[in-house]
C-alpha atoms as a PDB file:
ATOM      1  CA  GLN A   1      21.926  64.460 235.186  1.00  0.00           C
ATOM      2  CA  VAL A   2      23.860  61.400 234.362  1.00  0.00           C
ATOM      3  CA  GLN A   3      27.685  61.344 233.462  1.00  0.00           C
ATOM      4  CA  LEU A   4      28.930  58.596 231.429  1.00  0.00           C
ATOM      5  CA  VAL A   5      32.603  57.734 230.770  1.00  0.00           C
ATOM      6  CA  GLU A   6      33.669  55.067 228.363  1.00  0.00           C
ATOM      7  CA  SER A   7      37.046  53.191 228.302  1.00  0.00           C
ATOM      8  CA  GLY A   8      38.592  50.205 226.756  1.00  0.00           C
ATOM      9  CA  GLY A   9      38.912  51.240 223.226  1.00  0.00           C
ATOM     10  CA  GLY A  10      42.112  50.811 221.198  1.00  0.00           C
ATOM     11  CA  LEU A  11      43.676  49.092 218.259  1.00  0.00           C
ATOM     12  CA  VAL A  12      43.129  45.279 217.535  1.00  0.00           C
ATOM     13  CA  GLN A  13      43.793  43.067 214.796  1.00  0.00           C
ATOM     14  CA  ALA A  14      40.782  41.450 212.754  1.00  0.00           C
ATOM     15  CA  GLY A  15      39.567  38.468 214.782  1.00  0.00           C
ATOM     16  CA  GLY A  16      40.615  39.841 218.124  1.00  0.00           C
ATOM     17  CA  SER A  17      38.672  41.135 221.077  1.00  0.00           C
ATOM     18  CA  LEU A  18      38.029  44.147 223.284  1.00  0.00           C
ATOM     19  CA  ARG A  19      35.892  44.946 226.148  1.00  0.00           C
ATOM     20  CA  LEU A  20      34.449  48.498 226.443  1.00  0.00           C
ATOM     21  CA  SER A  21      33.190  49.703 229.846  1.00  0.00           C
ATOM     22  CA  CYS A  22      31.049  52.619 230.612  1.00  0.00           C
ATOM     23  CA  ALA A  23      30.989  53.999 234.111  1.00  0.00           C
ATOM     24  CA  ALA A  24      27.791  55.935 235.074  1.00  0.00           C
ATOM     25  CA  SER A  25      27.251  58.480 238.023  1.00  0.00           C
ATOM     26  CA  GLY A  26      24.754  61.166 238.891  1.00  0.00           C
ATOM     27  CA  ARG A  27      21.679  58.931 239.008  1.00  0.00           C
ATOM     28  CA  THR A  28      20.493  55.579 240.389  1.00  0.00           C
ATOM     29  CA  PHE A  29      22.011  53.185 237.889  1.00  0.00           C
ATOM     30  CA  SER A  30      19.521  50.462 238.114  1.00  0.00           C
ATOM     31  CA  SER A  31      16.916  53.057 237.030  1.00  0.00           C
ATOM     32  CA  LEU A  32      18.572  53.483 233.634  1.00  0.00           C
ATOM     33  CA  ALA A  33      18.361  51.619 230.415  1.00  0.00           C
ATOM     34  CA  MET A  34      21.682  51.514 228.729  1.00  0.00           C
ATOM     35  CA  GLY A  35      22.864  51.433 225.044  1.00  0.00           C
ATOM     36  CA  TRP A  36      26.012  51.343 222.826  1.00  0.00           C
ATOM     37  CA  PHE A  37      26.199  53.048 219.578  1.00  0.00           C
ATOM     38  CA  ARG A  38      28.976  53.635 217.103  1.00  0.00           C
ATOM     39  CA  GLN A  39      29.916  56.164 214.509  1.00  0.00           C
ATOM     40  CA  ALA A  40      32.351  55.472 211.691  1.00  0.00           C
ATOM     41  CA  PRO A  41      33.966  58.390 209.704  1.00  0.00           C
ATOM     42  CA  GLY A  42      31.565  59.840 207.183  1.00  0.00           C
ATOM     43  CA  LYS A  43      28.715  57.758 208.575  1.00  0.00           C
ATOM     44  CA  GLU A  44      25.801  58.364 210.902  1.00  0.00           C
ATOM     45  CA  ARG A  45      25.796  57.167 214.442  1.00  0.00           C
ATOM     46  CA  GLU A  46      24.142  53.631 214.583  1.00  0.00           C
ATOM     47  CA  PHE A  47      22.819  51.375 217.178  1.00  0.00           C
ATOM     48  CA  VAL A  48      25.037  48.433 218.364  1.00  0.00           C
ATOM     49  CA  ALA A  49      23.354  47.112 221.542  1.00  0.00           C
ATOM     50  CA  THR A  50      21.060  47.777 224.501  1.00  0.00           C
ATOM     51  CA  VAL A  51      20.337  46.294 227.850  1.00  0.00           C
ATOM     52  CA  SER A  52      17.376  47.114 230.111  1.00  0.00           C
ATOM     53  CA  TRP A  53      17.705  48.322 233.695  1.00  0.00           C
ATOM     54  CA  SER A  54      17.503  44.780 234.981  1.00  0.00           C
ATOM     55  CA  GLY A  55      19.945  43.388 232.661  1.00  0.00           C
ATOM     56  CA  ILE A  56      17.340  40.703 231.688  1.00  0.00           C
ATOM     57  CA  ILE A  57      16.503  42.369 228.148  1.00  0.00           C
ATOM     58  CA  THR A  58      19.216  42.721 225.637  1.00  0.00           C
ATOM     59  CA  PHE A  59      19.080  43.488 221.896  1.00  0.00           C
ATOM     60  CA  TYR A  60      21.659  43.752 219.253  1.00  0.00           C
ATOM     61  CA  ALA A  61      22.135  44.990 215.684  1.00  0.00           C
ATOM     62  CA  ASP A  62      22.221  42.372 213.184  1.00  0.00           C
ATOM     63  CA  SER A  63      25.803  43.510 212.225  1.00  0.00           C
ATOM     64  CA  VAL A  64      27.208  42.460 215.702  1.00  0.00           C
ATOM     65  CA  LYS A  65      24.749  39.744 216.758  1.00  0.00           C
ATOM     66  CA  GLY A  66      26.642  36.582 217.903  1.00  0.00           C
ATOM     67  CA  ARG A  67      29.871  38.588 218.265  1.00  0.00           C
ATOM     68  CA  PHE A  68      29.209  41.301 220.844  1.00  0.00           C
ATOM     69  CA  THR A  69      27.561  40.910 224.303  1.00  0.00           C
ATOM     70  CA  ILE A  70      26.241  43.771 226.291  1.00  0.00           C
ATOM     71  CA  SER A  71      26.124  43.339 230.079  1.00  0.00           C
ATOM     72  CA  ARG A  72      25.807  45.463 233.239  1.00  0.00           C
ATOM     73  CA  ASP A  73      26.799  45.311 236.739  1.00  0.00           C
ATOM     74  CA  ASN A  74      24.504  47.510 238.847  1.00  0.00           C
ATOM     75  CA  ALA A  75      26.596  47.144 241.977  1.00  0.00           C
ATOM     76  CA  LYS A  76      29.552  48.872 239.915  1.00  0.00           C
ATOM     77  CA  ASN A  77      27.317  51.225 238.056  1.00  0.00           C
ATOM     78  CA  THR A  78      28.955  49.960 234.929  1.00  0.00           C
ATOM     79  CA  VAL A  79      27.772  48.703 231.515  1.00  0.00           C
ATOM     80  CA  TYR A  80      30.039  46.584 229.344  1.00  0.00           C
ATOM     81  CA  LEU A  81      30.460  45.638 225.718  1.00  0.00           C
ATOM     82  CA  GLN A  82      32.362  42.579 225.120  1.00  0.00           C
ATOM     83  CA  MET A  83      33.432  42.585 221.352  1.00  0.00           C
ATOM     84  CA  ASN A  84      34.755  39.300 219.898  1.00  0.00           C
ATOM     85  CA  ALA A  85      35.655  38.360 216.358  1.00  0.00           C
ATOM     86  CA  LEU A  86      36.266  41.917 215.387  1.00  0.00           C
ATOM     87  CA  LYS A  87      36.215  43.100 211.689  1.00  0.00           C
ATOM     88  CA  PRO A  88      37.635  46.104 210.085  1.00  0.00           C
ATOM     89  CA  GLU A  89      34.122  47.314 209.568  1.00  0.00           C
ATOM     90  CA  ASP A  90      33.678  47.501 213.391  1.00  0.00           C
ATOM     91  CA  THR A  91      36.113  50.388 213.347  1.00  0.00           C
ATOM     92  CA  ALA A  92      34.361  53.560 214.844  1.00  0.00           C
ATOM     93  CA  VAL A  93      33.978  55.701 217.879  1.00  0.00           C
ATOM     94  CA  TYR A  94      31.856  53.787 220.457  1.00  0.00           C
ATOM     95  CA  TYR A  95      29.339  55.868 222.518  1.00  0.00           C
ATOM     96  CA  CYS A  96      27.604  54.860 225.713  1.00  0.00           C
ATOM     97  CA  ALA A  97      24.164  56.119 226.149  1.00  0.00           C
ATOM     98  CA  ALA A  98      21.477  56.164 228.955  1.00  0.00           C
ATOM     99  CA  VAL A  99      17.926  56.976 229.626  1.00  0.00           C
ATOM    100  CA  SER A 100      15.807  56.690 232.723  1.00  0.00           C
ATOM    101  CA  SER A 101      13.550  53.712 232.134  1.00  0.00           C
ATOM    102  CA  ARG A 102      12.109  50.868 234.008  1.00  0.00           C
ATOM    103  CA  GLY A 103      10.256  49.499 231.083  1.00  0.00           C
ATOM    104  CA  GLY A 104      10.834  46.321 229.222  1.00  0.00           C
ATOM    105  CA  SER A 105      11.149  47.520 225.598  1.00  0.00           C
ATOM    106  CA  ALA A 106      14.468  47.459 223.784  1.00  0.00           C
ATOM    107  CA  LYS A 107      15.682  50.998 222.957  1.00  0.00           C
ATOM    108  CA  THR A 108      17.405  51.067 219.577  1.00  0.00           C
ATOM    109  CA  HIS A 109      17.082  54.680 218.497  1.00  0.00           C
ATOM    110  CA  LEU A 110      19.296  57.570 219.229  1.00  0.00           C
ATOM    111  CA  ASN A 111      16.431  59.860 220.085  1.00  0.00           C
ATOM    112  CA  GLU A 112      15.360  57.540 222.868  1.00  0.00           C
ATOM    113  CA  TYR A 113      18.576  58.345 224.930  1.00  0.00           C
ATOM    114  CA  ASP A 114      19.025  61.261 227.060  1.00  0.00           C
ATOM    115  CA  TYR A 115      22.736  61.009 228.063  1.00  0.00           C
ATOM    116  CA  TRP A 116      25.713  60.262 226.114  1.00  0.00           C
ATOM    117  CA  GLY A 117      29.470  59.555 226.872  1.00  0.00           C
ATOM    118  CA  GLN A 118      32.273  61.248 225.067  1.00  0.00           C
ATOM    119  CA  GLY A 119      33.067  58.104 223.034  1.00  0.00           C
ATOM    120  CA  THR A 120      36.119  55.785 222.797  1.00  0.00           C
ATOM    121  CA  GLN A 121      37.916  54.879 219.599  1.00  0.00           C
ATOM    122  CA  VAL A 122      37.925  51.284 218.399  1.00  0.00           C
ATOM    123  CA  THR A 123      40.261  50.512 215.415  1.00  0.00           C
ATOM    124  CA  VAL A 124      40.353  47.133 213.782  1.00  0.00           C
ATOM    125  CA  SER A 125      43.142  46.496 211.429  1.00  0.00           C
ATOM    126  CA  SER A 126      42.969  43.974 208.574  1.00  0.00           C
END
C-alpha cells in the first residue's frame, strides 16, 4: 500500500504561483511513477503531469505545458507541482497519484494509477 498526502493548495490571483507537494509513504518511493490530476466542479478528473521513477521522464497536458513543472525528490519521498502563470481555468481539486513502475513510458491515464491522495483545492481568482 502507498499513502499519499497532498499539500500546498490555496487561493491565488490570476498570474500567481503555487507549489503543490505530495508526500508518499508505505513503499519505496523510487519504485513509483507519480502523477498529478485535477478535477473541476462538474467535470471529469483530468491528467496534468507525470514523472517517471527516476525523475528523468516528464510529460504534461497541453493546457499546462510551459506553466507547470513536475519534479520529485526521492530522498524526501515527495513529488512537487510548481504552478506558474495560473489562470482561473486552473481552479480544481488537484490529486496526486502513484503506481509501481520502473518503466520509461509516461503514464497519462487515470486507470494506470493504483494509489491516490485525498486532493488539495486550488482556486484562482480573476
